[in-house]
């Protein structure tokens, strides 16, 4: 499994500006994710629809309460050591590119 650990991404979007902390972990051989938005006090629901591992990239789709109608977000995260480059295709916003760094955890 790739990308295991906690990753920190600075965000500046119309919906949220701040830091996204994303923990990627192994849940009995399946990828699982725990996002946190420190300082955000609103509701943050999400559902992972699919995950695919290819080389050093995780890609998939998810829905979130931030997007009206729960339209899917397409996401690809490419891991290189303690860095992660992510590209999300977000409905109503378009393509968002962010770079993150590893905070803690294991994996490759």
N, C-alpha and C. Protein backbone atom coordinates (compact mmCIF):
# COMPACT_ATOMS: atom_id res chain seq x y z
N UNK A 1 0.85 -1.19 0.00
CA UNK A 1 0.00 0.00 0.00
C UNK A 1 0.90 1.24 0.00
N UNK A 2 0.47 2.26 -0.70
CA UNK A 2 1.25 3.49 -0.81
C UNK A 2 0.57 4.62 -0.05
N UNK A 3 1.36 5.63 0.31
CA UNK A 3 0.80 6.85 0.90
C UNK A 3 0.30 6.74 2.33
N UNK A 4 0.62 5.64 3.02
CA UNK A 4 0.13 5.50 4.39
C UNK A 4 0.76 6.55 5.29
N UNK A 5 -0.04 7.14 6.16
CA UNK A 5 0.42 8.17 7.07
C UNK A 5 -0.48 9.39 7.03
N UNK A 6 -0.04 10.45 7.66
CA UNK A 6 -0.81 11.69 7.69
C UNK A 6 -0.13 12.73 6.81
N UNK A 7 -0.93 13.32 5.95
CA UNK A 7 -0.45 14.30 4.98
C UNK A 7 -1.11 15.64 5.24
N UNK A 8 -0.36 16.72 5.04
CA UNK A 8 -0.85 18.07 5.30
C UNK A 8 -0.84 18.85 3.99
N UNK A 9 -2.02 19.39 3.63
CA UNK A 9 -2.19 20.14 2.39
C UNK A 9 -2.72 21.54 2.70
N UNK A 10 -2.02 22.61 2.32
CA UNK A 10 -2.59 23.95 2.44
C UNK A 10 -3.62 24.15 1.33
N UNK A 11 -4.81 24.65 1.70
CA UNK A 11 -5.89 24.86 0.74
C UNK A 11 -6.34 26.31 0.73
N UNK A 12 -6.70 26.77 -0.45
CA UNK A 12 -7.29 28.09 -0.60
C UNK A 12 -8.31 27.98 -1.73
N UNK A 13 -9.56 27.68 -1.35
CA UNK A 13 -10.63 27.52 -2.32
C UNK A 13 -11.80 28.42 -1.91
N UNK A 14 -12.78 28.60 -2.78
CA UNK A 14 -13.95 29.39 -2.40
C UNK A 14 -14.73 28.78 -1.23
N UNK A 15 -14.57 27.46 -1.01
CA UNK A 15 -15.32 26.80 0.05
C UNK A 15 -14.56 26.75 1.37
N UNK A 16 -13.23 26.67 1.30
CA UNK A 16 -12.43 26.54 2.52
C UNK A 16 -11.01 27.02 2.27
N UNK A 17 -10.49 27.80 3.21
CA UNK A 17 -9.08 28.18 3.21
C UNK A 17 -8.51 27.75 4.54
N UNK A 18 -7.42 27.04 4.49
CA UNK A 18 -6.80 26.53 5.70
C UNK A 18 -5.98 25.30 5.36
N UNK A 19 -5.92 24.37 6.29
CA UNK A 19 -5.12 23.17 6.13
C UNK A 19 -6.00 21.93 6.16
N UNK A 20 -5.79 21.05 5.21
CA UNK A 20 -6.42 19.74 5.21
C UNK A 20 -5.39 18.75 5.72
N UNK A 21 -5.75 18.01 6.76
CA UNK A 21 -4.92 16.90 7.23
C UNK A 21 -5.63 15.63 6.78
N UNK A 22 -4.93 14.82 6.00
CA UNK A 22 -5.51 13.59 5.48
C UNK A 22 -4.68 12.41 5.94
N UNK A 23 -5.31 11.53 6.71
CA UNK A 23 -4.64 10.31 7.13
C UNK A 23 -5.09 9.18 6.21
N UNK A 24 -4.11 8.51 5.63
CA UNK A 24 -4.34 7.36 4.76
C UNK A 24 -3.91 6.13 5.55
N UNK A 25 -4.82 5.16 5.70
CA UNK A 25 -4.43 3.98 6.48
C UNK A 25 -5.00 2.70 5.88
N UNK A 26 -4.43 1.60 6.34
CA UNK A 26 -4.81 0.26 5.90
C UNK A 26 -5.91 -0.26 6.82
N UNK A 27 -7.06 -0.57 6.24
CA UNK A 27 -8.19 -1.10 6.99
C UNK A 27 -8.46 -2.52 6.45
N UNK A 28 -7.73 -3.48 7.01
CA UNK A 28 -7.86 -4.88 6.58
C UNK A 28 -7.62 -5.06 5.08
N UNK A 29 -6.55 -4.46 4.57
CA UNK A 29 -6.19 -4.61 3.17
C UNK A 29 -6.87 -3.64 2.22
N UNK A 30 -7.72 -2.77 2.74
CA UNK A 30 -8.40 -1.75 1.92
C UNK A 30 -7.92 -0.37 2.36
N UNK A 31 -7.83 0.54 1.43
CA UNK A 31 -7.49 1.91 1.78
C UNK A 31 -8.64 2.55 2.55
N UNK A 32 -8.29 3.32 3.56
CA UNK A 32 -9.28 4.11 4.28
C UNK A 32 -8.68 5.49 4.52
N UNK A 33 -9.53 6.47 4.71
CA UNK A 33 -9.08 7.86 4.79
C UNK A 33 -9.79 8.57 5.92
N UNK A 34 -9.06 9.44 6.62
CA UNK A 34 -9.65 10.26 7.66
C UNK A 34 -9.21 11.71 7.43
N UNK A 35 -10.07 12.53 6.82
CA UNK A 35 -9.73 13.94 6.62
C UNK A 35 -10.09 14.76 7.84
N UNK A 36 -9.28 15.78 8.12
CA UNK A 36 -9.55 16.72 9.20
C UNK A 36 -9.31 18.13 8.67
N UNK A 37 -10.15 19.05 9.10
CA UNK A 37 -10.00 20.45 8.73
C UNK A 37 -9.89 21.27 10.01
N UNK A 38 -8.69 21.36 10.59
CA UNK A 38 -8.52 22.13 11.83
C UNK A 38 -9.04 23.56 11.68
N UNK A 39 -9.85 24.00 12.63
CA UNK A 39 -10.40 25.34 12.60
C UNK A 39 -11.74 25.45 11.90
N UNK A 40 -12.17 24.39 11.21
CA UNK A 40 -13.46 24.40 10.54
C UNK A 40 -14.49 23.78 11.47
N UNK A 41 -15.56 24.52 11.77
CA UNK A 41 -16.55 24.05 12.74
C UNK A 41 -17.84 23.56 12.10
N UNK A 42 -17.92 23.59 10.79
CA UNK A 42 -19.14 23.14 10.10
C UNK A 42 -19.18 21.64 9.91
N UNK A 43 -20.23 21.18 9.26
CA UNK A 43 -20.39 19.77 8.96
C UNK A 43 -19.51 19.39 7.78
N UNK A 44 -18.83 18.28 7.90
CA UNK A 44 -17.96 17.79 6.83
C UNK A 44 -18.19 16.30 6.66
N UNK A 45 -19.17 15.96 5.82
CA UNK A 45 -19.45 14.57 5.52
C UNK A 45 -18.76 14.22 4.21
N UNK A 46 -18.33 12.97 4.09
CA UNK A 46 -17.72 12.52 2.84
C UNK A 46 -17.96 11.02 2.67
N UNK A 47 -17.87 10.57 1.43
CA UNK A 47 -17.97 9.15 1.13
C UNK A 47 -17.00 8.83 0.00
N UNK A 48 -16.13 7.86 0.22
CA UNK A 48 -15.20 7.42 -0.81
C UNK A 48 -15.94 6.41 -1.69
N UNK A 49 -16.03 6.72 -2.98
CA UNK A 49 -16.75 5.87 -3.92
C UNK A 49 -15.86 4.81 -4.55
N UNK A 50 -14.60 5.17 -4.81
CA UNK A 50 -13.68 4.22 -5.43
C UNK A 50 -12.24 4.64 -5.14
N UNK A 51 -11.34 3.65 -5.13
CA UNK A 51 -9.91 3.90 -4.95
C UNK A 51 -9.15 2.93 -5.85
N UNK A 52 -8.15 3.45 -6.56
CA UNK A 52 -7.33 2.63 -7.43
C UNK A 52 -5.87 2.98 -7.18
N UNK A 53 -5.04 1.97 -7.02
CA UNK A 53 -3.60 2.14 -6.85
C UNK A 53 -2.91 1.78 -8.14
N UNK A 54 -2.08 2.70 -8.63
CA UNK A 54 -1.31 2.45 -9.84
C UNK A 54 0.06 3.09 -9.68
N UNK A 55 1.11 2.26 -9.54
CA UNK A 55 2.45 2.78 -9.30
C UNK A 55 2.48 3.53 -7.98
N UNK A 56 2.90 4.80 -8.01
CA UNK A 56 2.94 5.61 -6.79
C UNK A 56 1.77 6.61 -6.73
N UNK A 57 0.67 6.28 -7.44
CA UNK A 57 -0.51 7.15 -7.48
C UNK A 57 -1.75 6.44 -6.98
N UNK A 58 -2.48 7.11 -6.10
CA UNK A 58 -3.82 6.68 -5.70
C UNK A 58 -4.80 7.60 -6.40
N UNK A 59 -5.81 7.01 -7.03
CA UNK A 59 -6.84 7.82 -7.67
C UNK A 59 -8.20 7.27 -7.29
N UNK A 60 -9.21 8.09 -7.47
CA UNK A 60 -10.55 7.63 -7.17
C UNK A 60 -11.56 8.76 -7.19
N UNK A 61 -12.73 8.44 -6.66
CA UNK A 61 -13.81 9.42 -6.59
C UNK A 61 -14.39 9.45 -5.19
N UNK A 62 -14.86 10.63 -4.81
CA UNK A 62 -15.51 10.79 -3.51
C UNK A 62 -16.57 11.86 -3.62
N UNK A 63 -17.48 11.85 -2.66
CA UNK A 63 -18.45 12.93 -2.54
C UNK A 63 -18.23 13.60 -1.19
N UNK A 64 -18.63 14.85 -1.09
CA UNK A 64 -18.48 15.59 0.16
C UNK A 64 -19.65 16.56 0.31
N UNK A 65 -19.93 16.89 1.56
CA UNK A 65 -21.01 17.83 1.85
C UNK A 65 -20.68 19.25 1.37
N UNK A 66 -19.42 19.51 1.00
CA UNK A 66 -19.04 20.83 0.48
C UNK A 66 -19.60 21.08 -0.92
N UNK A 67 -19.88 20.01 -1.67
CA UNK A 67 -20.34 20.15 -3.05
C UNK A 67 -21.84 19.87 -3.10
N UNK A 68 -22.63 20.86 -3.53
CA UNK A 68 -24.08 20.66 -3.61
C UNK A 68 -24.45 19.47 -4.50
N UNK A 69 -25.45 18.73 -4.08
CA UNK A 69 -25.90 17.58 -4.85
C UNK A 69 -24.98 16.39 -4.76
N UNK A 70 -23.95 16.49 -3.93
CA UNK A 70 -22.97 15.41 -3.76
C UNK A 70 -22.44 14.88 -5.08
N UNK A 71 -22.14 15.82 -6.00
CA UNK A 71 -21.52 15.43 -7.26
C UNK A 71 -20.10 14.94 -6.97
N UNK A 72 -19.66 13.87 -7.64
CA UNK A 72 -18.36 13.27 -7.34
C UNK A 72 -17.17 14.18 -7.68
N UNK A 73 -16.18 14.11 -6.83
CA UNK A 73 -14.88 14.74 -7.05
C UNK A 73 -13.94 13.65 -7.52
N UNK A 74 -13.21 13.88 -8.59
CA UNK A 74 -12.19 12.95 -9.05
C UNK A 74 -10.85 13.43 -8.51
N UNK A 75 -10.11 12.51 -7.89
CA UNK A 75 -8.88 12.88 -7.19
C UNK A 75 -7.76 11.93 -7.57
N UNK A 76 -6.55 12.47 -7.76
CA UNK A 76 -5.35 11.66 -7.96
C UNK A 76 -4.25 12.22 -7.06
N UNK A 77 -3.63 11.35 -6.27
CA UNK A 77 -2.55 11.75 -5.37
C UNK A 77 -1.31 10.93 -5.72
N UNK A 78 -0.23 11.64 -6.09
CA UNK A 78 1.02 10.98 -6.44
C UNK A 78 2.02 11.21 -5.32
N UNK A 79 2.56 10.11 -4.79
CA UNK A 79 3.46 10.16 -3.64
C UNK A 79 4.91 9.98 -4.08
N UNK A 80 5.78 10.86 -3.56
CA UNK A 80 7.22 10.81 -3.80
C UNK A 80 7.89 11.06 -2.47
N UNK A 81 8.27 10.01 -1.76
CA UNK A 81 8.91 10.17 -0.45
C UNK A 81 7.97 10.85 0.52
N UNK A 82 8.39 12.00 1.05
CA UNK A 82 7.57 12.72 2.03
C UNK A 82 6.76 13.85 1.39
N UNK A 83 6.54 13.77 0.07
CA UNK A 83 5.76 14.77 -0.65
C UNK A 83 4.62 14.10 -1.42
N UNK A 84 3.54 14.85 -1.59
CA UNK A 84 2.39 14.35 -2.34
C UNK A 84 1.86 15.48 -3.21
N UNK A 85 1.71 15.19 -4.49
CA UNK A 85 1.09 16.13 -5.42
C UNK A 85 -0.31 15.61 -5.73
N UNK A 86 -1.32 16.43 -5.47
CA UNK A 86 -2.71 16.01 -5.66
C UNK A 86 -3.38 16.92 -6.69
N UNK A 87 -4.21 16.28 -7.51
CA UNK A 87 -5.03 17.00 -8.48
C UNK A 87 -6.46 16.53 -8.29
N UNK A 88 -7.35 17.49 -8.08
CA UNK A 88 -8.77 17.17 -7.92
C UNK A 88 -9.57 17.90 -8.98
N UNK A 89 -10.51 17.18 -9.59
CA UNK A 89 -11.46 17.80 -10.50
C UNK A 89 -12.74 17.97 -9.71
N UNK A 90 -13.00 19.22 -9.31
CA UNK A 90 -14.08 19.54 -8.40
C UNK A 90 -15.23 20.20 -9.15
N UNK A 91 -16.44 19.62 -9.07
CA UNK A 91 -17.59 20.25 -9.72
C UNK A 91 -17.77 21.69 -9.24
N UNK A 92 -18.14 22.57 -10.12
CA UNK A 92 -18.39 24.00 -9.86
C UNK A 92 -17.11 24.81 -9.65
N UNK A 93 -15.98 24.17 -9.37
CA UNK A 93 -14.73 24.89 -9.13
C UNK A 93 -13.74 24.65 -10.25
N UNK A 94 -13.64 23.41 -10.72
CA UNK A 94 -12.68 23.05 -11.74
C UNK A 94 -11.52 22.27 -11.16
N UNK A 95 -10.39 22.31 -11.86
CA UNK A 95 -9.21 21.55 -11.44
C UNK A 95 -8.47 22.30 -10.34
N UNK A 96 -8.18 21.59 -9.26
CA UNK A 96 -7.45 22.16 -8.14
C UNK A 96 -6.19 21.32 -7.93
N UNK A 97 -5.04 21.98 -7.90
CA UNK A 97 -3.76 21.30 -7.66
C UNK A 97 -3.22 21.76 -6.31
N UNK A 98 -2.82 20.79 -5.50
CA UNK A 98 -2.21 21.12 -4.20
C UNK A 98 -1.04 20.19 -3.96
N UNK A 99 -0.08 20.69 -3.21
CA UNK A 99 1.07 19.89 -2.81
C UNK A 99 1.07 19.75 -1.31
N UNK A 100 1.31 18.53 -0.85
CA UNK A 100 1.31 18.28 0.58
C UNK A 100 2.61 17.65 1.03
N UNK A 101 2.79 17.61 2.34
CA UNK A 101 3.95 16.98 2.94
C UNK A 101 3.49 15.99 4.00
N UNK A 102 4.32 14.99 4.21
CA UNK A 102 3.99 13.96 5.18
C UNK A 102 4.27 14.44 6.59
N UNK A 103 3.28 14.25 7.46
CA UNK A 103 3.44 14.67 8.84
C UNK A 103 3.92 13.53 9.71
N UNK A 104 3.33 12.35 9.52
CA UNK A 104 3.67 11.21 10.36
C UNK A 104 3.19 9.94 9.70
N UNK A 105 3.55 8.80 10.23
CA UNK A 105 3.03 7.52 9.75
C UNK A 105 4.02 6.75 8.93
N UNK A 106 3.58 5.59 8.44
CA UNK A 106 4.45 4.71 7.69
C UNK A 106 4.04 4.60 6.26
N UNK A 107 4.46 3.53 5.64
CA UNK A 107 4.15 3.32 4.23
C UNK A 107 5.31 3.69 3.36
N UNK A 108 5.08 3.62 2.07
CA UNK A 108 6.15 3.96 1.14
C UNK A 108 5.70 5.07 0.22
